[in-house]
Amino acid sequence: MEDFKPIITDCINGSPKAQSMLYHQFAPKMFGVCLRYAKDTTEAEDNMQDGFIKVFTNLKTFRHDGSLEGWIRRIMINVSLEKIRKQHLLFPVEDVSVYDSVNFSDDVIAKIAADDLMKLIQQLPPRYRMVFNLYVIEGLSHQEIAKEMSITQGTTKSNLARARDILKKKVHENFGELIGQNNNTA
């Protein structure tokens, strides 16, 4: 693990060179994080830029007791969620417990390029996309997601089930031939 203390100190002291170094070290990964929560690359770039502004503004509060990358990632996620909240795109969704959990087999996912899968995830409605990303990619529990998004755990579970159902249908629509029709349970 790299020791970022000297770079962090220089960033806090306003060094453009240190800020550039820190930005270039983490920008590629953080763009990927922002892209998962954005509707397109332009929005992801905006979220990343806003996120790095927060990083540089709040770097003095970093306590060095966890990874710098994890701290920056959390800021990027929070910026992305806040932007969606401000756009009022997170409308309450009634419990859709009628949807069964969808299981994608590893061989299906392996046959689909990551970029193609990302495009399908970006097509999800904002609330479903947020819950899907927080649960599946970030590994948060339904309780943590409910707290983060100010919704109930039941709503997070139903949103996740609905997101999976939508993704399953989109995978079959877009990649039916690639994955074969033996998984045709949509």
C-alpha atoms as a PDB file:
ATOM      1  CA  MET A   1       0.000   0.000   0.000  1.00  0.00           C
ATOM      2  CA  GLU A   2       1.364   3.361  -1.001  1.00  0.00           C
ATOM      3  CA  ASP A   3       2.040   6.000   1.632  1.00  0.00           C
ATOM      4  CA  PHE A   4       0.135   9.073   0.533  1.00  0.00           C
ATOM      5  CA  LYS A   5       0.914  11.188   3.622  1.00  0.00           C
ATOM      6  CA  PRO A   6       3.440  13.471   1.867  1.00  0.00           C
ATOM      7  CA  ILE A   7       1.111  14.019  -1.101  1.00  0.00           C
ATOM      8  CA  ILE A   8      -1.848  14.610   1.223  1.00  0.00           C
ATOM      9  CA  THR A   9       0.155  17.154   3.225  1.00  0.00           C
ATOM     10  CA  ASP A  10       1.194  18.954   0.039  1.00  0.00           C
ATOM     11  CA  CYS A  11      -2.420  18.938  -1.224  1.00  0.00           C
ATOM     12  CA  ILE A  12      -3.639  20.419   2.061  1.00  0.00           C
ATOM     13  CA  ASN A  13      -0.990  23.123   1.665  1.00  0.00           C
ATOM     14  CA  GLY A  14      -2.375  23.929  -1.796  1.00  0.00           C
ATOM     15  CA  SER A  15       0.265  22.370  -4.051  1.00  0.00           C
ATOM     16  CA  PRO A  16      -1.160  22.066  -7.600  1.00  0.00           C
ATOM     17  CA  LYS A  17       1.494  19.447  -8.419  1.00  0.00           C
ATOM     18  CA  ALA A  18       0.435  17.259  -5.482  1.00  0.00           C
ATOM     19  CA  GLN A  19      -3.236  17.715  -6.355  1.00  0.00           C
ATOM     20  CA  SER A  20      -2.497  16.673  -9.922  1.00  0.00           C
ATOM     21  CA  MET A  21      -0.586  13.603  -8.718  1.00  0.00           C
ATOM     22  CA  LEU A  22      -3.430  12.551  -6.423  1.00  0.00           C
ATOM     23  CA  TYR A  23      -6.015  13.176  -9.134  1.00  0.00           C
ATOM     24  CA  HIS A  24      -4.136  11.132 -11.737  1.00  0.00           C
ATOM     25  CA  GLN A  25      -3.547   8.320  -9.243  1.00  0.00           C
ATOM     26  CA  PHE A  26      -7.264   7.845  -8.519  1.00  0.00           C
ATOM     27  CA  ALA A  27      -9.200   9.391 -11.428  1.00  0.00           C
ATOM     28  CA  PRO A  28      -9.436   6.234 -13.589  1.00  0.00           C
ATOM     29  CA  LYS A  29     -10.910   4.110 -10.781  1.00  0.00           C
ATOM     30  CA  MET A  30     -13.157   6.893  -9.532  1.00  0.00           C
ATOM     31  CA  PHE A  31     -14.489   7.516 -13.024  1.00  0.00           C
ATOM     32  CA  GLY A  32     -15.571   3.873 -13.064  1.00  0.00           C
ATOM     33  CA  VAL A  33     -17.318   4.355  -9.716  1.00  0.00           C
ATOM     34  CA  CYS A  34     -19.089   7.506 -10.931  1.00  0.00           C
ATOM     35  CA  LEU A  35     -20.047   5.849 -14.211  1.00  0.00           C
ATOM     36  CA  ARG A  36     -21.972   3.160 -12.337  1.00  0.00           C
ATOM     37  CA  TYR A  37     -24.209   5.816 -10.805  1.00  0.00           C
ATOM     38  CA  ALA A  38     -24.537   8.140 -13.797  1.00  0.00           C
ATOM     39  CA  LYS A  39     -26.825   7.991 -16.818  1.00  0.00           C
ATOM     40  CA  ASP A  40     -23.901   8.656 -19.203  1.00  0.00           C
ATOM     41  CA  THR A  41     -20.193   9.501 -19.364  1.00  0.00           C
ATOM     42  CA  THR A  42     -20.778  13.262 -19.253  1.00  0.00           C
ATOM     43  CA  GLU A  43     -22.678  13.001 -15.983  1.00  0.00           C
ATOM     44  CA  ALA A  44     -20.013  10.632 -14.621  1.00  0.00           C
ATOM     45  CA  GLU A  45     -17.267  13.135 -15.496  1.00  0.00           C
ATOM     46  CA  ASP A  46     -19.207  15.931 -13.775  1.00  0.00           C
ATOM     47  CA  ASN A  47     -19.729  13.804 -10.677  1.00  0.00           C
ATOM     48  CA  MET A  48     -16.051  12.869 -10.597  1.00  0.00           C
ATOM     49  CA  GLN A  49     -14.961  16.510 -10.890  1.00  0.00           C
ATOM     50  CA  ASP A  50     -17.372  17.543  -8.131  1.00  0.00           C
ATOM     51  CA  GLY A  51     -16.111  14.614  -6.080  1.00  0.00           C
ATOM     52  CA  PHE A  52     -12.477  15.627  -6.431  1.00  0.00           C
ATOM     53  CA  ILE A  53     -13.344  19.180  -5.408  1.00  0.00           C
ATOM     54  CA  LYS A  54     -14.821  17.686  -2.209  1.00  0.00           C
ATOM     55  CA  VAL A  55     -11.761  15.461  -1.809  1.00  0.00           C
ATOM     56  CA  PHE A  56      -9.377  18.417  -1.957  1.00  0.00           C
ATOM     57  CA  THR A  57     -11.627  20.570   0.235  1.00  0.00           C
ATOM     58  CA  ASN A  58     -11.963  17.875   2.921  1.00  0.00           C
ATOM     59  CA  LEU A  59      -8.566  16.171   2.690  1.00  0.00           C
ATOM     60  CA  LYS A  60      -7.571  17.680   6.024  1.00  0.00           C
ATOM     61  CA  THR A  61     -10.282  15.515   7.644  1.00  0.00           C
ATOM     62  CA  PHE A  62      -8.814  12.246   6.322  1.00  0.00           C
ATOM     63  CA  ARG A  63      -7.693  10.362   9.459  1.00  0.00           C
ATOM     64  CA  HIS A  64      -5.271   7.865   7.840  1.00  0.00           C
ATOM     65  CA  ASP A  65      -6.992   4.978   9.645  1.00  0.00           C
ATOM     66  CA  GLY A  66      -8.389   3.468   6.441  1.00  0.00           C
ATOM     67  CA  SER A  67      -7.407   3.444   2.812  1.00  0.00           C
ATOM     68  CA  LEU A  68      -7.303   6.744   0.987  1.00  0.00           C
ATOM     69  CA  GLU A  69      -8.868   5.047  -2.037  1.00  0.00           C
ATOM     70  CA  GLY A  70     -11.823   3.863   0.060  1.00  0.00           C
ATOM     71  CA  TRP A  71     -12.284   7.351   1.488  1.00  0.00           C
ATOM     72  CA  ILE A  72     -12.243   8.917  -1.977  1.00  0.00           C
ATOM     73  CA  ARG A  73     -14.606   6.209  -3.311  1.00  0.00           C
ATOM     74  CA  ARG A  74     -17.109   7.005  -0.562  1.00  0.00           C
ATOM     75  CA  ILE A  75     -17.008  10.697  -1.510  1.00  0.00           C
ATOM     76  CA  MET A  76     -17.621   9.849  -5.184  1.00  0.00           C
ATOM     77  CA  ILE A  77     -20.614   7.676  -4.274  1.00  0.00           C
ATOM     78  CA  ASN A  78     -22.041  10.350  -1.977  1.00  0.00           C
ATOM     79  CA  VAL A  79     -21.627  13.055  -4.632  1.00  0.00           C
ATOM     80  CA  SER A  80     -23.384  10.838  -7.186  1.00  0.00           C
ATOM     81  CA  LEU A  81     -26.252  10.044  -4.801  1.00  0.00           C
ATOM     82  CA  GLU A  82     -26.620  13.677  -3.776  1.00  0.00           C
ATOM     83  CA  LYS A  83     -26.818  14.814  -7.395  1.00  0.00           C
ATOM     84  CA  ILE A  84     -29.615  12.334  -8.049  1.00  0.00           C
ATOM     85  CA  ARG A  85     -31.441  13.462  -4.907  1.00  0.00           C
ATOM     86  CA  LYS A  86     -31.187  17.096  -6.065  1.00  0.00           C
ATOM     87  CA  GLN A  87     -32.598  16.121  -9.446  1.00  0.00           C
ATOM     88  CA  HIS A  88     -35.552  14.551  -7.612  1.00  0.00           C
ATOM     89  CA  LEU A  89     -35.098  11.326  -9.520  1.00  0.00           C
ATOM     90  CA  LEU A  90     -35.550   9.071  -6.505  1.00  0.00           C
ATOM     91  CA  PHE A  91     -39.298   8.726  -6.367  1.00  0.00           C
ATOM     92  CA  PRO A  92     -40.793   6.309  -3.842  1.00  0.00           C
ATOM     93  CA  VAL A  93     -41.617   2.934  -5.324  1.00  0.00           C
ATOM     94  CA  GLU A  94     -44.214   0.694  -3.799  1.00  0.00           C
ATOM     95  CA  ASP A  95     -43.106  -2.679  -2.516  1.00  0.00           C
ATOM     96  CA  VAL A  96     -42.832  -5.024  -5.471  1.00  0.00           C
ATOM     97  CA  SER A  97     -42.223  -8.168  -3.456  1.00  0.00           C
ATOM     98  CA  VAL A  98     -43.980 -10.114  -6.187  1.00  0.00           C
ATOM     99  CA  TYR A  99     -40.699 -10.136  -8.127  1.00  0.00           C
ATOM    100  CA  ASP A 100     -38.553 -13.134  -7.451  1.00  0.00           C
ATOM    101  CA  SER A 101     -34.846 -12.776  -7.065  1.00  0.00           C
ATOM    102  CA  VAL A 102     -33.089 -13.300 -10.364  1.00  0.00           C
ATOM    103  CA  ASN A 103     -29.879 -15.286 -10.478  1.00  0.00           C
ATOM    104  CA  PHE A 104     -27.454 -14.719 -13.308  1.00  0.00           C
ATOM    105  CA  SER A 105     -25.135 -17.629 -13.828  1.00  0.00           C
ATOM    106  CA  ASP A 106     -21.433 -16.842 -14.015  1.00  0.00           C
ATOM    107  CA  ASP A 107     -21.142 -18.198 -17.560  1.00  0.00           C
ATOM    108  CA  VAL A 108     -23.784 -15.740 -18.798  1.00  0.00           C
ATOM    109  CA  ILE A 109     -22.044 -12.764 -17.196  1.00  0.00           C
ATOM    110  CA  ALA A 110     -18.650 -13.959 -18.497  1.00  0.00           C
ATOM    111  CA  LYS A 111     -19.942 -13.921 -22.082  1.00  0.00           C
ATOM    112  CA  ILE A 112     -21.082 -10.300 -21.881  1.00  0.00           C
ATOM    113  CA  ALA A 113     -18.465  -7.560 -22.076  1.00  0.00           C
ATOM    114  CA  ALA A 114     -18.196  -5.338 -19.005  1.00  0.00           C
ATOM    115  CA  ASP A 115     -18.932  -2.238 -21.093  1.00  0.00           C
ATOM    116  CA  ASP A 116     -22.118  -3.816 -22.445  1.00  0.00           C
ATOM    117  CA  LEU A 117     -23.227  -4.786 -18.953  1.00  0.00           C
ATOM    118  CA  MET A 118     -22.465  -1.250 -17.718  1.00  0.00           C
ATOM    119  CA  LYS A 119     -24.641   0.197 -20.491  1.00  0.00           C
ATOM    120  CA  LEU A 120     -27.517  -2.019 -19.402  1.00  0.00           C
ATOM    121  CA  ILE A 121     -27.090  -0.958 -15.768  1.00  0.00           C
ATOM    122  CA  GLN A 122     -27.090   2.695 -16.835  1.00  0.00           C
ATOM    123  CA  GLN A 123     -30.491   2.148 -18.486  1.00  0.00           C
ATOM    124  CA  LEU A 124     -32.078   1.255 -15.154  1.00  0.00           C
ATOM    125  CA  PRO A 125     -34.316   3.877 -13.540  1.00  0.00           C
ATOM    126  CA  PRO A 126     -32.206   5.964 -11.129  1.00  0.00           C
ATOM    127  CA  ARG A 127     -33.502   4.466  -7.873  1.00  0.00           C
ATOM    128  CA  TYR A 128     -33.074   0.907  -9.113  1.00  0.00           C
ATOM    129  CA  ARG A 129     -29.592   1.745 -10.431  1.00  0.00           C
ATOM    130  CA  MET A 130     -28.579   3.207  -7.049  1.00  0.00           C
ATOM    131  CA  VAL A 131     -29.805   0.216  -5.046  1.00  0.00           C
ATOM    132  CA  PHE A 132     -28.301  -2.262  -7.533  1.00  0.00           C
ATOM    133  CA  ASN A 133     -24.891  -0.557  -7.446  1.00  0.00           C
ATOM    134  CA  LEU A 134     -24.814  -0.104  -3.687  1.00  0.00           C
ATOM    135  CA  TYR A 135     -25.803  -3.717  -3.045  1.00  0.00           C
ATOM    136  CA  VAL A 136     -24.146  -5.671  -5.852  1.00  0.00           C
ATOM    137  CA  ILE A 137     -21.042  -3.612  -6.574  1.00  0.00           C
ATOM    138  CA  GLU A 138     -20.317  -1.719  -3.342  1.00  0.00           C
ATOM    139  CA  GLY A 139     -21.420  -4.594  -1.097  1.00  0.00           C
ATOM    140  CA  LEU A 140     -23.642  -2.571   1.247  1.00  0.00           C
ATOM    141  CA  SER A 141     -26.362  -4.356   3.207  1.00  0.00           C
ATOM    142  CA  HIS A 142     -30.036  -3.548   2.730  1.00  0.00           C
ATOM    143  CA  GLN A 143     -29.955  -1.837   6.136  1.00  0.00           C
ATOM    144  CA  GLU A 144     -27.031   0.396   5.054  1.00  0.00           C
ATOM    145  CA  ILE A 145     -28.708   1.202   1.727  1.00  0.00           C
ATOM    146  CA  ALA A 146     -31.980   2.047   3.466  1.00  0.00           C
ATOM    147  CA  LYS A 147     -30.169   4.466   5.771  1.00  0.00           C
ATOM    148  CA  GLU A 148     -28.111   5.995   2.928  1.00  0.00           C
ATOM    149  CA  MET A 149     -31.143   6.549   0.701  1.00  0.00           C
ATOM    150  CA  SER A 150     -33.721   7.292   3.445  1.00  0.00           C
ATOM    151  CA  ILE A 151     -36.001   4.423   2.409  1.00  0.00           C
ATOM    152  CA  THR A 152     -37.110   1.207   4.106  1.00  0.00           C
ATOM    153  CA  GLN A 153     -35.243  -2.068   3.874  1.00  0.00           C
ATOM    154  CA  GLY A 154     -38.281  -3.605   2.207  1.00  0.00           C
ATOM    155  CA  THR A 155     -38.100  -0.947  -0.476  1.00  0.00           C
ATOM    156  CA  THR A 156     -34.383  -1.625  -1.051  1.00  0.00           C
ATOM    157  CA  LYS A 157     -35.112  -5.324  -1.432  1.00  0.00           C
ATOM    158  CA  SER A 158     -37.965  -4.748  -3.859  1.00  0.00           C
ATOM    159  CA  ASN A 159     -35.928  -2.189  -5.830  1.00  0.00           C
ATOM    160  CA  LEU A 160     -33.068  -4.671  -6.099  1.00  0.00           C
ATOM    161  CA  ALA A 161     -35.427  -7.433  -7.229  1.00  0.00           C
ATOM    162  CA  ARG A 162     -36.973  -5.132  -9.816  1.00  0.00           C
ATOM    163  CA  ALA A 163     -33.541  -3.983 -11.047  1.00  0.00           C
ATOM    164  CA  ARG A 164     -32.448  -7.593 -11.447  1.00  0.00           C
ATOM    165  CA  ASP A 165     -35.663  -8.427 -13.281  1.00  0.00           C
ATOM    166  CA  ILE A 166     -35.186  -5.507 -15.682  1.00  0.00           C
ATOM    167  CA  LEU A 167     -31.528  -6.425 -16.244  1.00  0.00           C
ATOM    168  CA  LYS A 168     -32.413 -10.049 -16.894  1.00  0.00           C
ATOM    169  CA  LYS A 169     -34.926  -9.000 -19.546  1.00  0.00           C
ATOM    170  CA  LYS A 170     -32.431  -6.587 -21.111  1.00  0.00           C
ATOM    171  CA  VAL A 171     -29.738  -9.271 -21.183  1.00  0.00           C
ATOM    172  CA  HIS A 172     -32.118 -11.647 -22.957  1.00  0.00           C
ATOM    173  CA  GLU A 173     -33.237  -8.934 -25.397  1.00  0.00           C
ATOM    174  CA  ASN A 174     -29.701  -7.837 -26.236  1.00  0.00           C
ATOM    175  CA  PHE A 175     -27.670 -11.014 -25.850  1.00  0.00           C
ATOM    176  CA  GLY A 176     -30.158 -13.865 -26.285  1.00  0.00           C
ATOM    177  CA  GLU A 177     -28.145 -15.500 -29.063  1.00  0.00           C
ATOM    178  CA  LEU A 178     -24.859 -15.089 -27.210  1.00  0.00           C
ATOM    179  CA  ILE A 179     -26.086 -16.706 -24.011  1.00  0.00           C
ATOM    180  CA  GLY A 180     -28.350 -19.232 -25.693  1.00  0.00           C
ATOM    181  CA  GLN A 181     -32.028 -19.567 -25.112  1.00  0.00           C
ATOM    182  CA  ASN A 182     -31.653 -22.261 -22.436  1.00  0.00           C
ATOM    183  CA  ASN A 183     -31.771 -19.488 -19.797  1.00  0.00           C
ATOM    184  CA  ASN A 184     -35.077 -18.194 -21.114  1.00  0.00           C
ATOM    185  CA  THR A 185     -36.893 -17.740 -17.803  1.00  0.00           C
ATOM    186  CA  ALA A 186     -37.671 -14.043 -18.197  1.00  0.00           C
END
